[in-house]
């Protein structure tokens, strides 16, 4: 049996035979960089994540939370928090030299995360348009040769992560990247090995390009290794796509909105994945970079209550 919650947010009153592990991430507090004076201080993030009811968090950008494993362990334990995953950035389609760049990050991030018991590493592909400057950096689509390099690079990284750290790679499709649409996501699955590379299905980013989350889960259940839970504002989305608004600008405009005010509906996704594997993590990750430091805490608490009130297939531990 696993603990679930009622709409009141009390995680001990209902029981569900199938569930996934729900958590949150620094991104839901507007944290995109290791050090930014306009971001929420890491202590406040941890305090507010715990106060909202979550027990699982992600590492966020490496260097935002303490990188000393003993210090970070103490900080998490004192708040009743546990670590689900870390994140690195990759660009394997660009060439062989990209492996060392990814591995250097992985040694630091996966090394720290594994010491705290995390078994996953989320990999985010380089964007074709910069999320810092909005500059167009390369073509929006990949050649056949680039697709092959992309898949081979991720499989090589995933194999090394398993062998060195016992950590599973979860690839994150992303707006303004080369893997975002349903067709692109399926092609990525086709060029990668499920032993080493699976999906961090980000519900909001997948919906950003019209992807049907439930369709993908049903078609490729064995490839759903991790979830990022977020919703996209469909009223704003069509303006963003029509006017080719850069993703970072769209985030500042509120493209990723507080549940339940956007799409997709989260409860059916959580329940579908719970039926496949109850040990999957569903990490709330509402892109909010540039927000007021006072905005995220209340949103995180309301989102926690919404998720646990909308589905019986969620648990905090």
C-alpha atoms as a PDB file:
ATOM      1  CA  UNK A   1       0.000   0.000   0.000  1.00  0.00           C
ATOM      2  CA  UNK A   2       1.114   3.583  -0.655  1.00  0.00           C
ATOM      3  CA  UNK A   3      -0.081   6.815   0.804  1.00  0.00           C
ATOM      4  CA  UNK A   4      -2.221   9.079  -1.339  1.00  0.00           C
ATOM      5  CA  UNK A   5      -4.094  12.265  -0.708  1.00  0.00           C
ATOM      6  CA  UNK A   6      -7.585  13.719  -0.768  1.00  0.00           C
ATOM      7  CA  UNK A   7      -8.479  17.180  -2.148  1.00  0.00           C
ATOM      8  CA  UNK A   8      -7.593  18.592   1.272  1.00  0.00           C
ATOM      9  CA  UNK A   9      -3.964  17.730   0.598  1.00  0.00           C
ATOM     10  CA  UNK A  10      -3.691  15.264   3.489  1.00  0.00           C
ATOM     11  CA  UNK A  11      -1.470  12.473   2.072  1.00  0.00           C
ATOM     12  CA  UNK A  12      -2.559   9.847   4.596  1.00  0.00           C
ATOM     13  CA  UNK A  13      -6.324   9.496   4.306  1.00  0.00           C
ATOM     14  CA  UNK A  14      -6.834   7.534   1.070  1.00  0.00           C
ATOM     15  CA  UNK A  15      -5.168   4.421  -0.287  1.00  0.00           C
ATOM     16  CA  UNK A  16      -4.550   3.462  -3.907  1.00  0.00           C
ATOM     17  CA  UNK A  17      -3.258   0.148  -5.242  1.00  0.00           C
ATOM     18  CA  UNK A  18      -1.326   1.858  -8.053  1.00  0.00           C
ATOM     19  CA  UNK A  19       0.513   5.148  -7.788  1.00  0.00           C
ATOM     20  CA  UNK A  20       3.493   7.160  -8.949  1.00  0.00           C
ATOM     21  CA  UNK A  21       5.841   9.325  -6.924  1.00  0.00           C
ATOM     22  CA  UNK A  22       5.035  13.037  -7.133  1.00  0.00           C
ATOM     23  CA  UNK A  23       7.648  15.722  -6.540  1.00  0.00           C
ATOM     24  CA  UNK A  24       8.672  19.201  -7.610  1.00  0.00           C
ATOM     25  CA  UNK A  25      11.706  21.020  -8.992  1.00  0.00           C
ATOM     26  CA  UNK A  26      13.589  24.324  -8.729  1.00  0.00           C
ATOM     27  CA  UNK A  27      12.172  25.219 -12.149  1.00  0.00           C
ATOM     28  CA  UNK A  28       8.765  25.640 -10.487  1.00  0.00           C
ATOM     29  CA  UNK A  29      10.393  28.430  -8.458  1.00  0.00           C
ATOM     30  CA  UNK A  30      11.744  30.129 -11.591  1.00  0.00           C
ATOM     31  CA  UNK A  31      15.251  28.715 -11.211  1.00  0.00           C
ATOM     32  CA  UNK A  32      17.093  28.302 -14.514  1.00  0.00           C
ATOM     33  CA  UNK A  33      20.666  29.120 -13.529  1.00  0.00           C
ATOM     34  CA  UNK A  34      23.073  28.077 -10.770  1.00  0.00           C
ATOM     35  CA  UNK A  35      23.520  31.662  -9.623  1.00  0.00           C
ATOM     36  CA  UNK A  36      21.126  34.499 -10.369  1.00  0.00           C
ATOM     37  CA  UNK A  37      20.386  37.223  -7.793  1.00  0.00           C
ATOM     38  CA  UNK A  38      16.815  37.500  -9.064  1.00  0.00           C
ATOM     39  CA  UNK A  39      16.060  33.820  -8.374  1.00  0.00           C
ATOM     40  CA  UNK A  40      14.641  32.371  -5.172  1.00  0.00           C
ATOM     41  CA  UNK A  41      17.497  31.507  -2.755  1.00  0.00           C
ATOM     42  CA  UNK A  42      17.994  27.757  -2.504  1.00  0.00           C
ATOM     43  CA  UNK A  43      17.132  27.644   1.196  1.00  0.00           C
ATOM     44  CA  UNK A  44      13.772  29.255   0.503  1.00  0.00           C
ATOM     45  CA  UNK A  45      13.089  26.824  -2.347  1.00  0.00           C
ATOM     46  CA  UNK A  46      13.692  23.851  -0.058  1.00  0.00           C
ATOM     47  CA  UNK A  47      11.606  25.362   2.733  1.00  0.00           C
ATOM     48  CA  UNK A  48       8.668  26.124   0.459  1.00  0.00           C
ATOM     49  CA  UNK A  49       8.801  22.779  -1.381  1.00  0.00           C
ATOM     50  CA  UNK A  50       8.581  20.956   1.940  1.00  0.00           C
ATOM     51  CA  UNK A  51       5.875  23.280   3.267  1.00  0.00           C
ATOM     52  CA  UNK A  52       3.774  22.664   0.144  1.00  0.00           C
ATOM     53  CA  UNK A  53       3.754  18.938   0.926  1.00  0.00           C
ATOM     54  CA  UNK A  54       6.332  17.504  -1.469  1.00  0.00           C
ATOM     55  CA  UNK A  55       8.909  14.922  -0.407  1.00  0.00           C
ATOM     56  CA  UNK A  56      10.767  14.559  -3.719  1.00  0.00           C
ATOM     57  CA  UNK A  57      12.741  17.239  -5.552  1.00  0.00           C
ATOM     58  CA  UNK A  58      15.137  17.486  -8.471  1.00  0.00           C
ATOM     59  CA  UNK A  59      18.623  18.952  -8.250  1.00  0.00           C
ATOM     60  CA  UNK A  60      17.973  21.785 -10.689  1.00  0.00           C
ATOM     61  CA  UNK A  61      20.908  23.533 -12.415  1.00  0.00           C
ATOM     62  CA  UNK A  62      24.118  22.147 -10.970  1.00  0.00           C
ATOM     63  CA  UNK A  63      25.450  24.567  -8.373  1.00  0.00           C
ATOM     64  CA  UNK A  64      22.099  26.007  -7.343  1.00  0.00           C
ATOM     65  CA  UNK A  65      21.742  23.580  -4.443  1.00  0.00           C
ATOM     66  CA  UNK A  66      24.850  22.719  -2.399  1.00  0.00           C
ATOM     67  CA  UNK A  67      27.199  20.420  -4.308  1.00  0.00           C
ATOM     68  CA  UNK A  68      28.796  18.911  -1.228  1.00  0.00           C
ATOM     69  CA  UNK A  69      26.903  15.618  -0.782  1.00  0.00           C
ATOM     70  CA  UNK A  70      27.071  15.699   3.016  1.00  0.00           C
ATOM     71  CA  UNK A  71      25.752  19.245   3.219  1.00  0.00           C
ATOM     72  CA  UNK A  72      23.009  18.616   0.670  1.00  0.00           C
ATOM     73  CA  UNK A  73      21.992  15.394   2.416  1.00  0.00           C
ATOM     74  CA  UNK A  74      21.713  17.232   5.718  1.00  0.00           C
ATOM     75  CA  UNK A  75      19.688  20.068   4.170  1.00  0.00           C
ATOM     76  CA  UNK A  76      17.253  17.645   2.519  1.00  0.00           C
ATOM     77  CA  UNK A  77      16.922  15.353   5.511  1.00  0.00           C
ATOM     78  CA  UNK A  78      16.203  18.248   7.859  1.00  0.00           C
ATOM     79  CA  UNK A  79      13.188  19.118   5.704  1.00  0.00           C
ATOM     80  CA  UNK A  80      11.996  15.584   4.965  1.00  0.00           C
ATOM     81  CA  UNK A  81      13.037  15.849   1.308  1.00  0.00           C
ATOM     82  CA  UNK A  82      14.598  13.307  -1.054  1.00  0.00           C
ATOM     83  CA  UNK A  83      16.274  13.626  -4.464  1.00  0.00           C
ATOM     84  CA  UNK A  84      14.779  12.061  -7.604  1.00  0.00           C
ATOM     85  CA  UNK A  85      17.152  13.207 -10.376  1.00  0.00           C
ATOM     86  CA  UNK A  86      19.695  15.645 -11.728  1.00  0.00           C
ATOM     87  CA  UNK A  87      19.875  17.331 -15.140  1.00  0.00           C
ATOM     88  CA  UNK A  88      22.516  17.763 -17.853  1.00  0.00           C
ATOM     89  CA  UNK A  89      22.486  19.332 -21.311  1.00  0.00           C
ATOM     90  CA  UNK A  90      23.529  17.591 -24.511  1.00  0.00           C
ATOM     91  CA  UNK A  91      24.195  18.309 -28.176  1.00  0.00           C
ATOM     92  CA  UNK A  92      25.134  14.951 -29.648  1.00  0.00           C
ATOM     93  CA  UNK A  93      23.831  15.794 -33.108  1.00  0.00           C
ATOM     94  CA  UNK A  94      26.715  18.263 -33.470  1.00  0.00           C
ATOM     95  CA  UNK A  95      29.539  15.732 -33.463  1.00  0.00           C
ATOM     96  CA  UNK A  96      31.800  13.359 -31.551  1.00  0.00           C
ATOM     97  CA  UNK A  97      33.299  16.125 -29.409  1.00  0.00           C
ATOM     98  CA  UNK A  98      29.952  16.535 -27.652  1.00  0.00           C
ATOM     99  CA  UNK A  99      30.358  13.338 -25.645  1.00  0.00           C
ATOM    100  CA  UNK A 100      33.119  14.750 -23.467  1.00  0.00           C
ATOM    101  CA  UNK A 101      31.052  17.855 -22.787  1.00  0.00           C
ATOM    102  CA  UNK A 102      28.100  15.706 -21.680  1.00  0.00           C
ATOM    103  CA  UNK A 103      30.249  13.318 -19.665  1.00  0.00           C
ATOM    104  CA  UNK A 104      31.983  16.141 -17.790  1.00  0.00           C
ATOM    105  CA  UNK A 105      28.552  17.348 -16.657  1.00  0.00           C
ATOM    106  CA  UNK A 106      27.390  13.820 -15.880  1.00  0.00           C
ATOM    107  CA  UNK A 107      30.373  13.054 -13.658  1.00  0.00           C
ATOM    108  CA  UNK A 108      29.477  16.029 -11.482  1.00  0.00           C
ATOM    109  CA  UNK A 109      25.680  15.830 -11.596  1.00  0.00           C
ATOM    110  CA  UNK A 110      25.123  12.072 -11.614  1.00  0.00           C
ATOM    111  CA  UNK A 111      27.974  11.644  -9.168  1.00  0.00           C
ATOM    112  CA  UNK A 112      26.256  13.944  -6.680  1.00  0.00           C
ATOM    113  CA  UNK A 113      22.733  12.683  -7.354  1.00  0.00           C
ATOM    114  CA  UNK A 114      23.716   9.024  -7.010  1.00  0.00           C
ATOM    115  CA  UNK A 115      25.350   9.683  -3.643  1.00  0.00           C
ATOM    116  CA  UNK A 116      21.984  10.937  -2.430  1.00  0.00           C
ATOM    117  CA  UNK A 117      20.132   7.908  -3.761  1.00  0.00           C
ATOM    118  CA  UNK A 118      18.792   9.330  -7.036  1.00  0.00           C
ATOM    119  CA  UNK A 119      18.579   6.823  -9.886  1.00  0.00           C
ATOM    120  CA  UNK A 120      17.759   9.115 -12.812  1.00  0.00           C
ATOM    121  CA  UNK A 121      19.462  11.752 -14.928  1.00  0.00           C
ATOM    122  CA  UNK A 122      17.335  13.992 -17.146  1.00  0.00           C
ATOM    123  CA  UNK A 123      19.070  15.001 -20.389  1.00  0.00           C
ATOM    124  CA  UNK A 124      17.895  18.135 -22.182  1.00  0.00           C
ATOM    125  CA  UNK A 125      18.981  18.677 -25.797  1.00  0.00           C
ATOM    126  CA  UNK A 126      20.553  21.906 -26.963  1.00  0.00           C
ATOM    127  CA  UNK A 127      18.010  24.290 -28.468  1.00  0.00           C
ATOM    128  CA  UNK A 128      18.189  25.508 -32.034  1.00  0.00           C
ATOM    129  CA  UNK A 129      17.253  28.958 -30.676  1.00  0.00           C
ATOM    130  CA  UNK A 130      19.028  30.317 -27.604  1.00  0.00           C
ATOM    131  CA  UNK A 131      16.871  30.632 -24.492  1.00  0.00           C
ATOM    132  CA  UNK A 132      19.256  33.329 -23.226  1.00  0.00           C
ATOM    133  CA  UNK A 133      19.618  35.634 -26.244  1.00  0.00           C
ATOM    134  CA  UNK A 134      16.805  34.353 -28.540  1.00  0.00           C
ATOM    135  CA  UNK A 135      19.402  34.039 -31.321  1.00  0.00           C
ATOM    136  CA  UNK A 136      18.758  31.380 -33.961  1.00  0.00           C
ATOM    137  CA  UNK A 137      21.761  29.081 -33.631  1.00  0.00           C
ATOM    138  CA  UNK A 138      21.129  26.401 -36.255  1.00  0.00           C
ATOM    139  CA  UNK A 139      18.506  24.831 -38.502  1.00  0.00           C
ATOM    140  CA  UNK A 140      15.254  23.743 -36.841  1.00  0.00           C
ATOM    141  CA  UNK A 141      15.388  20.205 -38.188  1.00  0.00           C
ATOM    142  CA  UNK A 142      18.095  17.552 -38.247  1.00  0.00           C
ATOM    143  CA  UNK A 143      19.562  15.695 -41.193  1.00  0.00           C
ATOM    144  CA  UNK A 144      19.477  11.897 -41.252  1.00  0.00           C
ATOM    145  CA  UNK A 145      23.148  11.865 -40.269  1.00  0.00           C
ATOM    146  CA  UNK A 146      22.466  14.185 -37.322  1.00  0.00           C
ATOM    147  CA  UNK A 147      19.628  11.953 -36.131  1.00  0.00           C
ATOM    148  CA  UNK A 148      21.995   8.987 -36.108  1.00  0.00           C
ATOM    149  CA  UNK A 149      24.608  10.945 -34.159  1.00  0.00           C
ATOM    150  CA  UNK A 150      21.925  12.083 -31.722  1.00  0.00           C
ATOM    151  CA  UNK A 151      20.754   8.560 -30.988  1.00  0.00           C
ATOM    152  CA  UNK A 152      24.230   7.037 -30.796  1.00  0.00           C
ATOM    153  CA  UNK A 153      25.441   9.741 -28.455  1.00  0.00           C
ATOM    154  CA  UNK A 154      22.569   9.309 -26.037  1.00  0.00           C
ATOM    155  CA  UNK A 155      22.935   5.535 -26.002  1.00  0.00           C
ATOM    156  CA  UNK A 156      26.654   5.862 -25.295  1.00  0.00           C
ATOM    157  CA  UNK A 157      25.921   8.281 -22.450  1.00  0.00           C
ATOM    158  CA  UNK A 158      23.117   6.118 -21.062  1.00  0.00           C
ATOM    159  CA  UNK A 159      25.309   3.012 -21.059  1.00  0.00           C
ATOM    160  CA  UNK A 160      28.111   4.868 -19.272  1.00  0.00           C
ATOM    161  CA  UNK A 161      25.715   6.301 -16.693  1.00  0.00           C
ATOM    162  CA  UNK A 162      24.381   2.858 -15.845  1.00  0.00           C
ATOM    163  CA  UNK A 163      27.807   1.297 -15.600  1.00  0.00           C
ATOM    164  CA  UNK A 164      29.451   4.107 -13.641  1.00  0.00           C
ATOM    165  CA  UNK A 165      26.668   5.401 -11.416  1.00  0.00           C
ATOM    166  CA  UNK A 166      23.705   3.028 -11.683  1.00  0.00           C
ATOM    167  CA  UNK A 167      21.694   5.955 -13.035  1.00  0.00           C
ATOM    168  CA  UNK A 168      19.085   5.802 -15.811  1.00  0.00           C
ATOM    169  CA  UNK A 169      19.052   8.387 -18.587  1.00  0.00           C
ATOM    170  CA  UNK A 170      15.676  10.065 -19.278  1.00  0.00           C
ATOM    171  CA  UNK A 171      15.602  12.244 -22.403  1.00  0.00           C
ATOM    172  CA  UNK A 172      13.509  15.418 -22.198  1.00  0.00           C
ATOM    173  CA  UNK A 173      11.796  16.632 -25.388  1.00  0.00           C
ATOM    174  CA  UNK A 174      11.740  20.419 -25.421  1.00  0.00           C
ATOM    175  CA  UNK A 175      10.244  23.475 -27.093  1.00  0.00           C
ATOM    176  CA  UNK A 176      12.678  25.206 -29.488  1.00  0.00           C
ATOM    177  CA  UNK A 177      14.689  21.982 -29.730  1.00  0.00           C
ATOM    178  CA  UNK A 178      15.013  19.420 -32.509  1.00  0.00           C
ATOM    179  CA  UNK A 179      12.884  16.867 -30.628  1.00  0.00           C
ATOM    180  CA  UNK A 180       9.516  18.328 -29.765  1.00  0.00           C
ATOM    181  CA  UNK A 181       6.675  17.074 -31.958  1.00  0.00           C
ATOM    182  CA  UNK A 182       5.057  13.648 -31.775  1.00  0.00           C
ATOM    183  CA  UNK A 183       6.782  12.549 -34.979  1.00  0.00           C
ATOM    184  CA  UNK A 184      10.188  13.785 -33.808  1.00  0.00           C
ATOM    185  CA  UNK A 185       9.764  12.076 -30.448  1.00  0.00           C
ATOM    186  CA  UNK A 186       8.913   8.746 -32.055  1.00  0.00           C
ATOM    187  CA  UNK A 187      11.899   9.083 -34.378  1.00  0.00           C
ATOM    188  CA  UNK A 188      14.107   9.673 -31.338  1.00  0.00           C
ATOM    189  CA  UNK A 189      12.775   6.480 -29.789  1.00  0.00           C
ATOM    190  CA  UNK A 190      13.481   4.643 -33.031  1.00  0.00           C
ATOM    191  CA  UNK A 191      17.166   5.682 -33.064  1.00  0.00           C
ATOM    192  CA  UNK A 192      17.828   4.898 -29.387  1.00  0.00           C
ATOM    193  CA  UNK A 193      18.123   1.731 -27.328  1.00  0.00           C
ATOM    194  CA  UNK A 194      15.585   1.313 -24.475  1.00  0.00           C
ATOM    195  CA  UNK A 195      18.295  -0.274 -22.351  1.00  0.00           C
ATOM    196  CA  UNK A 196      20.113   3.060 -22.211  1.00  0.00           C
ATOM    197  CA  UNK A 197      17.770   5.843 -23.297  1.00  0.00           C
ATOM    198  CA  UNK A 198      14.129   6.481 -22.424  1.00  0.00           C
ATOM    199  CA  UNK A 199      11.845   9.470 -22.069  1.00  0.00           C
ATOM    200  CA  UNK A 200      11.315  12.105 -19.502  1.00  0.00           C
ATOM    201  CA  UNK A 201       7.883  12.910 -20.900  1.00  0.00           C
ATOM    202  CA  UNK A 202       7.305  16.576 -20.157  1.00  0.00           C
ATOM    203  CA  UNK A 203       3.555  16.923 -20.515  1.00  0.00           C
ATOM    204  CA  UNK A 204       3.648  20.673 -21.183  1.00  0.00           C
ATOM    205  CA  UNK A 205       6.526  20.689 -23.652  1.00  0.00           C
ATOM    206  CA  UNK A 206       4.966  17.781 -25.528  1.00  0.00           C
ATOM    207  CA  UNK A 207       1.607  19.587 -25.684  1.00  0.00           C
ATOM    208  CA  UNK A 208       3.422  22.774 -26.811  1.00  0.00           C
ATOM    209  CA  UNK A 209       3.705  21.247 -30.298  1.00  0.00           C
ATOM    210  CA  UNK A 210       0.332  19.531 -30.226  1.00  0.00           C
ATOM    211  CA  UNK A 211       1.527  16.181 -28.915  1.00  0.00           C
ATOM    212  CA  UNK A 212      -1.037  13.824 -27.368  1.00  0.00           C
ATOM    213  CA  UNK A 213       0.560  12.575 -24.157  1.00  0.00           C
ATOM    214  CA  UNK A 214      -1.861   9.705 -23.651  1.00  0.00           C
ATOM    215  CA  UNK A 215      -1.396   8.515 -27.236  1.00  0.00           C
ATOM    216  CA  UNK A 216       2.380   8.416 -26.795  1.00  0.00           C
ATOM    217  CA  UNK A 217       2.114   6.598 -23.464  1.00  0.00           C
ATOM    218  CA  UNK A 218      -0.200   3.987 -24.985  1.00  0.00           C
ATOM    219  CA  UNK A 219       1.986   3.529 -28.062  1.00  0.00           C
ATOM    220  CA  UNK A 220       5.318   3.329 -26.223  1.00  0.00           C
ATOM    221  CA  UNK A 221       4.606   2.381 -22.595  1.00  0.00           C
ATOM    222  CA  UNK A 222       8.006   0.775 -22.114  1.00  0.00           C
ATOM    223  CA  UNK A 223       9.800   4.027 -23.000  1.00  0.00           C
ATOM    224  CA  UNK A 224       8.164   6.266 -20.388  1.00  0.00           C
ATOM    225  CA  UNK A 225      10.804   6.381 -17.687  1.00  0.00           C
ATOM    226  CA  UNK A 226      10.027   9.678 -15.978  1.00  0.00           C
ATOM    227  CA  UNK A 227       7.485  12.514 -16.091  1.00  0.00           C
ATOM    228  CA  UNK A 228       7.625  16.268 -15.841  1.00  0.00           C
ATOM    229  CA  UNK A 229       4.144  17.510 -15.011  1.00  0.00           C
ATOM    230  CA  UNK A 230       3.127  20.865 -16.410  1.00  0.00           C
ATOM    231  CA  UNK A 231       0.368  22.495 -18.429  1.00  0.00           C
ATOM    232  CA  UNK A 232       0.473  24.874 -21.378  1.00  0.00           C
ATOM    233  CA  UNK A 233      -1.865  27.861 -21.820  1.00  0.00           C
ATOM    234  CA  UNK A 234      -3.660  27.018 -25.064  1.00  0.00           C
ATOM    235  CA  UNK A 235      -5.108  30.516 -25.497  1.00  0.00           C
ATOM    236  CA  UNK A 236      -1.580  31.940 -25.553  1.00  0.00           C
ATOM    237  CA  UNK A 237      -0.005  28.991 -27.368  1.00  0.00           C
ATOM    238  CA  UNK A 238      -1.483  29.675 -30.781  1.00  0.00           C
ATOM    239  CA  UNK A 239      -0.243  33.283 -30.697  1.00  0.00           C
ATOM    240  CA  UNK A 240       3.196  32.031 -29.657  1.00  0.00           C
ATOM    241  CA  UNK A 241       3.347  29.532 -32.515  1.00  0.00           C
ATOM    242  CA  UNK A 242       1.804  31.849 -35.141  1.00  0.00           C
ATOM    243  CA  UNK A 243       4.191  34.672 -34.310  1.00  0.00           C
ATOM    244  CA  UNK A 244       7.229  32.435 -33.777  1.00  0.00           C
ATOM    245  CA  UNK A 245       7.759  33.716 -30.254  1.00  0.00           C
ATOM    246  CA  UNK A 246      10.963  32.309 -28.678  1.00  0.00           C
ATOM    247  CA  UNK A 247      10.345  29.852 -25.864  1.00  0.00           C
ATOM    248  CA  UNK A 248      12.037  31.995 -23.204  1.00  0.00           C
ATOM    249  CA  UNK A 249       9.807  34.929 -24.125  1.00  0.00           C
ATOM    250  CA  UNK A 250       6.762  32.672 -24.063  1.00  0.00           C
ATOM    251  CA  UNK A 251       7.708  31.527 -20.551  1.00  0.00           C
ATOM    252  CA  UNK A 252       7.898  35.137 -19.396  1.00  0.00           C
ATOM    253  CA  UNK A 253       4.426  35.622 -20.886  1.00  0.00           C
ATOM    254  CA  UNK A 254       3.072  32.669 -18.877  1.00  0.00           C
ATOM    255  CA  UNK A 255       2.918  29.951 -21.540  1.00  0.00           C
ATOM    256  CA  UNK A 256       3.318  27.276 -18.853  1.00  0.00           C
ATOM    257  CA  UNK A 257       0.360  27.899 -16.607  1.00  0.00           C
ATOM    258  CA  UNK A 258      -0.743  26.810 -13.163  1.00  0.00           C
ATOM    259  CA  UNK A 259      -2.861  23.651 -13.159  1.00  0.00           C
ATOM    260  CA  UNK A 260      -5.712  23.156 -13.802  1.00  0.00           C
ATOM    261  CA  UNK A 261      -5.880  26.183 -16.091  1.00  0.00           C
ATOM    262  CA  UNK A 262      -4.117  24.646 -19.094  1.00  0.00           C
ATOM    263  CA  UNK A 263      -3.641  21.444 -21.048  1.00  0.00           C
ATOM    264  CA  UNK A 264      -3.116  18.503 -20.841  1.00  0.00           C
ATOM    265  CA  UNK A 265      -5.222  17.264 -17.960  1.00  0.00           C
ATOM    266  CA  UNK A 266      -2.736  15.687 -15.568  1.00  0.00           C
ATOM    267  CA  UNK A 267      -4.855  13.067 -13.796  1.00  0.00           C
ATOM    268  CA  UNK A 268      -5.342  10.737 -16.809  1.00  0.00           C
ATOM    269  CA  UNK A 269      -1.607  10.884 -17.568  1.00  0.00           C
ATOM    270  CA  UNK A 270      -0.641  10.074 -13.989  1.00  0.00           C
ATOM    271  CA  UNK A 271      -3.124   7.204 -13.908  1.00  0.00           C
ATOM    272  CA  UNK A 272      -1.961   5.818 -17.285  1.00  0.00           C
ATOM    273  CA  UNK A 273       1.677   5.802 -16.210  1.00  0.00           C
ATOM    274  CA  UNK A 274       0.806   4.366 -12.780  1.00  0.00           C
ATOM    275  CA  UNK A 275      -0.761   1.390 -14.543  1.00  0.00           C
ATOM    276  CA  UNK A 276       2.527   0.790 -16.384  1.00  0.00           C
ATOM    277  CA  UNK A 277       5.012   1.391 -13.571  1.00  0.00           C
ATOM    278  CA  UNK A 278       4.080   2.743 -10.123  1.00  0.00           C
ATOM    279  CA  UNK A 279       7.712   3.644  -9.403  1.00  0.00           C
ATOM    280  CA  UNK A 280       7.866   6.354 -12.075  1.00  0.00           C
ATOM    281  CA  UNK A 281       8.429   9.877 -10.813  1.00  0.00           C
ATOM    282  CA  UNK A 282       6.060  12.672 -11.784  1.00  0.00           C
ATOM    283  CA  UNK A 283       7.901  15.910 -11.051  1.00  0.00           C
ATOM    284  CA  UNK A 284       5.907  19.148 -11.156  1.00  0.00           C
ATOM    285  CA  UNK A 285       7.987  21.533 -13.247  1.00  0.00           C
ATOM    286  CA  UNK A 286       6.182  24.740 -14.153  1.00  0.00           C
ATOM    287  CA  UNK A 287       8.554  26.891 -16.212  1.00  0.00           C
ATOM    288  CA  UNK A 288       8.462  30.270 -14.453  1.00  0.00           C
ATOM    289  CA  UNK A 289      11.793  31.988 -15.095  1.00  0.00           C
ATOM    290  CA  UNK A 290      11.603  35.713 -14.381  1.00  0.00           C
ATOM    291  CA  UNK A 291       8.776  35.443 -11.838  1.00  0.00           C
ATOM    292  CA  UNK A 292       8.546  37.262  -8.524  1.00  0.00           C
ATOM    293  CA  UNK A 293      10.221  35.350  -5.680  1.00  0.00           C
ATOM    294  CA  UNK A 294       6.913  35.478  -3.797  1.00  0.00           C
ATOM    295  CA  UNK A 295       4.845  33.840  -6.556  1.00  0.00           C
ATOM    296  CA  UNK A 296       6.055  30.192  -6.628  1.00  0.00           C
ATOM    297  CA  UNK A 297       5.342  29.039  -3.065  1.00  0.00           C
ATOM    298  CA  UNK A 298       1.558  29.486  -3.135  1.00  0.00           C
ATOM    299  CA  UNK A 299       1.359  28.067  -6.673  1.00  0.00           C
ATOM    300  CA  UNK A 300       3.326  24.991  -5.584  1.00  0.00           C
ATOM    301  CA  UNK A 301       0.959  24.392  -2.689  1.00  0.00           C
ATOM    302  CA  UNK A 302      -2.161  24.794  -4.837  1.00  0.00           C
ATOM    303  CA  UNK A 303      -0.682  22.486  -7.491  1.00  0.00           C
ATOM    304  CA  UNK A 304       0.076  19.841  -4.862  1.00  0.00           C
ATOM    305  CA  UNK A 305      -3.526  19.919  -3.648  1.00  0.00           C
ATOM    306  CA  UNK A 306      -4.846  19.892  -7.230  1.00  0.00           C
ATOM    307  CA  UNK A 307      -2.833  16.832  -8.239  1.00  0.00           C
ATOM    308  CA  UNK A 308      -3.664  14.849  -5.143  1.00  0.00           C
ATOM    309  CA  UNK A 309      -7.284  15.878  -5.344  1.00  0.00           C
ATOM    310  CA  UNK A 310      -7.631  15.066  -9.041  1.00  0.00           C
ATOM    311  CA  UNK A 311      -6.148  11.571  -8.986  1.00  0.00           C
ATOM    312  CA  UNK A 312      -5.795   8.603  -6.692  1.00  0.00           C
ATOM    313  CA  UNK A 313      -2.693   7.453  -8.551  1.00  0.00           C
ATOM    314  CA  UNK A 314      -0.218   9.783  -6.892  1.00  0.00           C
ATOM    315  CA  UNK A 315       1.924   9.549  -3.820  1.00  0.00           C
ATOM    316  CA  UNK A 316       4.612  11.658  -2.216  1.00  0.00           C
ATOM    317  CA  UNK A 317       6.829   8.773  -1.132  1.00  0.00           C
END
